[in-house]
Structures are given as structure tokens and as C-alpha cells.
Amino acid sequence: LVFVLEGEGYDLHWDPTAHIGEVYEWEWPDEPDQYEWRREDVVYIPTNTAHQHHNTSDEEPVRLLCCQARAYNDLGFGFQDLEQFETAPEYEE
């Protein structure tokens, strides 16, 4: 879950399809789904969904509070398997 505390923007989500046989095979869409958000919205990101958060303002920062679902940890996963692909740019207050 992502709680939007300040700002506005959008998310891109690539929701995979699992093909279950002798081995799991993942099929990823070529194009993401886009979801717009603003202050006081909550964004749900399903497990295994690749995603990006984008700020639509060049002037104001976005402040997001990210909360991991307890079930995710109960399945044996945790923060150690999350990967950050790019660093957010710095901004001046």
C-alpha cells in the first residue's frame, strides 16, 4: 500500500500473468497500466507487480508512505528482496 501524503502524480504498473506447470513462467505486458493519484489517495500494488511512481510537478515534492502487507512477510518474503531501479532526484525545500 502507498499512502499519498503530499503532491500528485501517477503510477505505472506491469501486472504479470503466471503460467503454472512444472515450472512457473511469468508473462509481462509490453505496456503498463497508468493510475493517477493525489494527496490523500491510497495506491494498492499487487504482489509481483513491477511499478514506478512519477511526480507530475517540477516544483513540489511528493511524499509517499509505503506499507508492506503482513501476508507478504508471512510467505517468507521481505524487504531484502525489493529492488530499487533508480534513485529519486534531489529537490530544494
Protein backbone atom coordinates (compact mmCIF):
# COMPACT_ATOMS: atom_id res chain seq x y z
CA LEU A 1 0.00 0.00 0.00
CA VAL A 2 1.17 3.51 -0.79
CA PHE A 3 -0.42 6.43 1.04
CA VAL A 4 -0.04 9.78 -0.75
CA LEU A 5 0.73 12.35 1.96
CA GLU A 6 1.57 15.27 -0.35
CA GLY A 7 1.71 16.02 -4.04
CA GLU A 8 0.25 14.41 -7.11
CA GLY A 9 1.42 12.14 -9.87
CA TYR A 10 0.86 8.74 -11.36
CA ASP A 11 1.98 5.12 -11.14
CA LEU A 12 2.86 2.73 -13.92
CA HIS A 13 2.08 -0.93 -13.17
CA TRP A 14 3.13 -4.00 -15.12
CA ASP A 15 0.96 -6.85 -13.78
CA PRO A 16 2.41 -10.25 -14.71
CA THR A 17 0.47 -13.36 -15.64
CA ALA A 18 1.73 -16.59 -14.07
CA HIS A 19 1.67 -19.77 -16.13
CA ILE A 20 1.86 -22.66 -13.69
CA GLY A 21 3.09 -26.03 -14.87
CA GLU A 22 6.18 -27.97 -13.95
CA VAL A 23 7.81 -24.57 -13.51
CA TYR A 24 6.36 -21.09 -13.06
CA GLU A 25 6.63 -18.91 -16.12
CA TRP A 26 5.86 -15.19 -15.95
CA GLU A 27 4.46 -13.21 -18.85
CA TRP A 28 4.89 -9.44 -18.60
CA PRO A 29 2.80 -6.93 -20.57
CA ASP A 30 4.58 -4.68 -23.06
CA GLU A 31 2.67 -1.60 -21.90
CA PRO A 32 1.90 -0.66 -18.27
CA ASP A 33 -1.42 0.41 -16.78
CA GLN A 34 -1.37 4.01 -15.55
CA TYR A 35 -3.04 5.19 -12.33
CA GLU A 36 -3.22 8.85 -11.35
CA TRP A 37 -3.10 9.83 -7.68
CA ARG A 38 -3.08 12.92 -5.46
CA ARG A 39 -2.94 13.83 -1.78
CA GLU A 40 -4.97 11.52 0.49
CA ASP A 41 -5.23 8.73 -2.12
CA VAL A 42 -4.14 5.16 -1.41
CA VAL A 43 -2.49 3.06 -4.12
CA TYR A 44 -2.59 -0.74 -3.91
CA ILE A 45 0.23 -2.57 -5.66
CA PRO A 46 -0.41 -6.30 -6.07
CA THR A 47 2.36 -8.77 -5.24
CA ASN A 48 4.84 -9.31 -8.11
CA THR A 49 3.72 -6.15 -9.93
CA ALA A 50 6.57 -4.10 -11.33
CA HIS A 51 5.79 -0.43 -10.72
CA GLN A 52 7.09 3.13 -10.87
CA HIS A 53 5.93 6.29 -9.10
CA HIS A 54 6.06 9.60 -11.00
CA ASN A 55 5.72 13.14 -9.64
CA THR A 56 3.89 15.41 -12.11
CA SER A 57 5.19 18.65 -10.54
CA ASP A 58 8.62 20.17 -11.15
CA GLU A 59 8.05 22.49 -8.19
CA GLU A 60 6.70 20.39 -5.31
CA PRO A 61 7.93 17.09 -3.92
CA VAL A 62 5.70 14.08 -3.45
CA ARG A 63 5.65 12.41 -0.05
CA LEU A 64 4.60 8.77 -0.04
CA LEU A 65 4.21 6.40 2.89
CA CYS A 66 4.76 2.81 1.76
CA CYS A 67 3.46 -0.06 3.87
CA GLN A 68 4.18 -3.68 3.19
CA ALA A 69 1.37 -6.19 3.59
CA ARG A 70 1.87 -8.56 6.52
CA ALA A 71 0.90 -11.55 4.34
CA TYR A 72 3.92 -10.84 2.14
CA ASN A 73 6.23 -11.37 5.12
CA ASP A 74 4.29 -14.46 6.24
CA LEU A 75 5.00 -16.06 2.85
CA GLY A 76 8.73 -15.80 3.57
CA PHE A 77 9.43 -12.62 1.62
CA GLY A 78 10.50 -9.28 2.99
CA PHE A 79 12.31 -6.03 2.36
CA GLN A 80 15.53 -7.85 1.39
CA ASP A 81 14.01 -8.95 -1.94
CA LEU A 82 12.81 -5.49 -3.02
CA GLU A 83 14.89 -3.77 -5.66
CA GLN A 84 15.17 -0.05 -6.37
CA PHE A 85 15.86 0.53 -10.05
CA GLU A 86 16.56 4.25 -9.95
CA THR A 87 17.25 6.95 -7.39
CA ALA A 88 14.80 9.82 -6.94
CA PRO A 89 16.22 13.25 -7.83
CA GLU A 90 17.07 15.69 -5.08
CA TYR A 91 14.94 18.79 -4.55
CA GLU A 92 15.20 22.06 -2.66
CA GLU A 93 12.65 22.83 0.05
